[in-house]
Every structure is written in structure tokens, then in C-alpha cells.
Amino acid sequence: MKVLTKNFVDALTVKQARERLNYGQLAEKTGVNSVTISRIINRKVDTAQERTFDKLNDWLLKEV
């Protein structure tokens, strides 16, 4: 399990807002379940499976 830092969740939220994506669209782009994304962004969880973290991190690092 990976710890989701405040900076990571903030970066995810900012990029999601910049691209004007809802949870479903973000789920399609990242390959992460929309419920999982919702729980992460709304800070209901503070850890994630390593592959979930990696998928979200890869999306964050992609240039637009």
C-alpha cells in the first residue's frame, strides 16, 4: 500500500479540474475505478494499492 500525501491528492485534483474531467472520464483515462478516484479526491482514504498509485502518478506526469 502507498500513502497518499496531501501534495499528491492536491496535484490530482488540480489536473482533473484543469482538464475539466469528471470522475468517470478520469477513470477512463487512468484505468482506475471511478469510486476509488472519488474516495481519494474526497480524502476518504489515505492509502492506495501500489498499482492504483502508479496509474494515477503516470497520468499526473503525462504532458498535456
Protein backbone atom coordinates (compact mmCIF):
# COMPACT_ATOMS: atom_id res chain seq x y z
CA MET A 1 0.00 0.00 0.00
CA LYS A 2 1.14 3.51 -0.81
CA VAL A 3 0.41 6.52 1.37
CA LEU A 4 -1.43 9.29 -0.47
CA THR A 5 0.15 12.56 0.56
CA LYS A 6 -1.72 15.85 0.61
CA ASN A 7 0.50 17.11 -2.24
CA PHE A 8 -0.32 14.09 -4.40
CA VAL A 9 -4.08 14.42 -3.89
CA ASP A 10 -3.89 18.18 -4.45
CA ALA A 11 -1.98 17.67 -7.72
CA LEU A 12 -4.54 15.09 -8.84
CA THR A 13 -7.41 17.46 -8.05
CA VAL A 14 -5.78 20.41 -9.83
CA LYS A 15 -5.02 18.44 -13.01
CA GLN A 16 -8.53 16.97 -13.01
CA ALA A 17 -10.00 20.47 -12.75
CA ARG A 18 -7.69 21.91 -15.43
CA GLU A 19 -8.75 19.20 -17.87
CA ARG A 20 -12.39 19.55 -16.76
CA LEU A 21 -12.82 15.83 -16.15
CA ASN A 22 -15.49 14.20 -14.03
CA TYR A 23 -14.69 11.04 -12.08
CA GLY A 24 -15.91 8.78 -14.90
CA GLN A 25 -13.76 10.49 -17.52
CA LEU A 26 -10.75 10.43 -15.21
CA ALA A 27 -11.37 6.73 -14.58
CA GLU A 28 -11.30 6.04 -18.33
CA LYS A 29 -8.07 7.99 -18.81
CA THR A 30 -6.25 6.39 -15.87
CA GLY A 31 -7.71 2.89 -15.71
CA VAL A 32 -8.65 3.41 -12.06
CA ASN A 33 -12.20 2.77 -10.83
CA SER A 34 -14.27 5.97 -10.53
CA VAL A 35 -15.34 5.10 -6.97
CA THR A 36 -11.69 4.74 -5.98
CA ILE A 37 -10.89 8.09 -7.58
CA SER A 38 -13.79 9.72 -5.73
CA ARG A 39 -12.63 8.31 -2.40
CA ILE A 40 -9.06 9.51 -3.00
CA ILE A 41 -10.02 13.04 -4.10
CA ASN A 42 -12.55 13.42 -1.27
CA ARG A 43 -9.88 12.19 1.18
CA LYS A 44 -11.93 9.24 2.44
CA VAL A 45 -8.81 7.04 2.18
CA ASP A 46 -5.18 7.78 2.85
CA THR A 47 -3.59 4.74 1.20
CA ALA A 48 -3.95 3.05 -2.18
CA GLN A 49 -2.73 -0.12 -3.79
CA GLU A 50 0.60 0.30 -5.48
CA ARG A 51 -0.77 -0.24 -9.00
CA THR A 52 -3.54 2.31 -8.40
CA PHE A 53 -0.99 4.85 -7.20
CA ASP A 54 1.24 4.09 -10.21
CA LYS A 55 -1.61 4.60 -12.70
CA LEU A 56 -2.57 7.93 -11.16
CA ASN A 57 1.04 9.05 -10.89
CA ASP A 58 1.69 8.16 -14.54
CA TRP A 59 -1.33 10.25 -15.56
CA LEU A 60 -0.11 13.16 -13.45
CA LEU A 61 3.32 13.05 -15.08
CA LYS A 62 1.96 12.96 -18.65
CA GLU A 63 2.32 16.19 -20.57
CA VAL A 64 -0.89 17.64 -21.97
